[in-house]
Amino acid sequence: MPNVSLLICQHYEVHKEVAKQLSLLVMVEKT
């Protein structure tokens, strides 16, 4: 069985990256 906390941590990191990219896109769209 995989380490659940590790999976959650990795998922959170990926989500943070995606959110950062999306916010950058939105900022570009608005200007």
N, C-alpha and C. Protein backbone atom coordinates (compact mmCIF):
# COMPACT_ATOMS: atom_id res chain seq x y z
N MET A 1 0.84 -1.20 0.00
CA MET A 1 0.00 0.00 0.00
C MET A 1 0.88 1.26 0.00
N PRO A 2 0.57 2.19 -0.91
CA PRO A 2 1.41 3.40 -1.00
C PRO A 2 1.25 4.30 0.22
N ASN A 3 2.24 5.14 0.42
CA ASN A 3 2.21 6.08 1.54
C ASN A 3 1.21 7.18 1.21
N VAL A 4 0.08 7.16 1.91
CA VAL A 4 -1.01 8.09 1.61
C VAL A 4 -0.60 9.54 1.82
N SER A 5 0.07 9.82 2.92
CA SER A 5 0.47 11.21 3.20
C SER A 5 1.42 11.73 2.12
N LEU A 6 2.28 10.84 1.60
CA LEU A 6 3.19 11.24 0.53
C LEU A 6 2.41 11.56 -0.74
N LEU A 7 1.43 10.70 -1.06
CA LEU A 7 0.60 10.94 -2.23
C LEU A 7 -0.14 12.27 -2.12
N ILE A 8 -0.71 12.52 -0.94
CA ILE A 8 -1.43 13.77 -0.72
C ILE A 8 -0.49 14.96 -0.88
N CYS A 9 0.71 14.83 -0.34
CA CYS A 9 1.70 15.90 -0.42
C CYS A 9 2.05 16.18 -1.88
N GLN A 10 2.30 15.13 -2.66
CA GLN A 10 2.63 15.30 -4.07
C GLN A 10 1.46 15.92 -4.82
N HIS A 11 0.25 15.47 -4.53
CA HIS A 11 -0.93 15.99 -5.20
C HIS A 11 -1.09 17.47 -4.90
N TYR A 12 -0.84 17.84 -3.64
CA TYR A 12 -0.95 19.23 -3.23
C TYR A 12 0.06 20.10 -3.98
N GLU A 13 1.28 19.60 -4.12
CA GLU A 13 2.32 20.34 -4.84
C GLU A 13 1.92 20.56 -6.29
N VAL A 14 1.40 19.51 -6.92
CA VAL A 14 0.96 19.61 -8.31
C VAL A 14 -0.17 20.62 -8.42
N HIS A 15 -1.11 20.55 -7.49
CA HIS A 15 -2.25 21.46 -7.50
C HIS A 15 -1.79 22.91 -7.35
N LYS A 16 -0.79 23.13 -6.51
CA LYS A 16 -0.25 24.48 -6.33
C LYS A 16 0.34 24.99 -7.64
N GLU A 17 1.08 24.13 -8.34
CA GLU A 17 1.67 24.52 -9.62
C GLU A 17 0.60 24.88 -10.63
N VAL A 18 -0.43 24.03 -10.72
CA VAL A 18 -1.52 24.27 -11.67
C VAL A 18 -2.23 25.59 -11.34
N ALA A 19 -2.49 25.81 -10.07
CA ALA A 19 -3.16 27.05 -9.65
C ALA A 19 -2.32 28.26 -10.02
N LYS A 20 -1.01 28.15 -9.86
CA LYS A 20 -0.11 29.25 -10.20
C LYS A 20 -0.17 29.54 -11.70
N GLN A 21 -0.13 28.49 -12.51
CA GLN A 21 -0.20 28.65 -13.96
C GLN A 21 -1.52 29.28 -14.37
N LEU A 22 -2.63 28.80 -13.77
CA LEU A 22 -3.95 29.32 -14.09
C LEU A 22 -4.05 30.79 -13.73
N SER A 23 -3.57 31.18 -12.57
CA SER A 23 -3.64 32.58 -12.16
C SER A 23 -2.81 33.45 -13.10
N LEU A 24 -1.67 32.94 -13.56
CA LEU A 24 -0.86 33.69 -14.53
C LEU A 24 -1.63 33.87 -15.83
N LEU A 25 -2.28 32.80 -16.30
CA LEU A 25 -3.08 32.89 -17.52
C LEU A 25 -4.19 33.92 -17.39
N VAL A 26 -4.88 33.89 -16.27
CA VAL A 26 -5.98 34.83 -16.03
C VAL A 26 -5.45 36.26 -16.04
N MET A 27 -4.31 36.49 -15.41
CA MET A 27 -3.72 37.83 -15.39
C MET A 27 -3.39 38.29 -16.80
N VAL A 28 -2.86 37.40 -17.62
CA VAL A 28 -2.53 37.73 -19.01
C VAL A 28 -3.80 38.04 -19.80
N GLU A 29 -4.85 37.25 -19.58
CA GLU A 29 -6.12 37.46 -20.28
C GLU A 29 -6.71 38.82 -19.95
N LYS A 30 -6.61 39.22 -18.68
CA LYS A 30 -7.23 40.47 -18.24
C LYS A 30 -6.52 41.69 -18.81
N THR A 31 -5.20 41.63 -19.01
CA THR A 31 -4.47 42.79 -19.48
C THR A 31 -4.54 42.95 -20.98
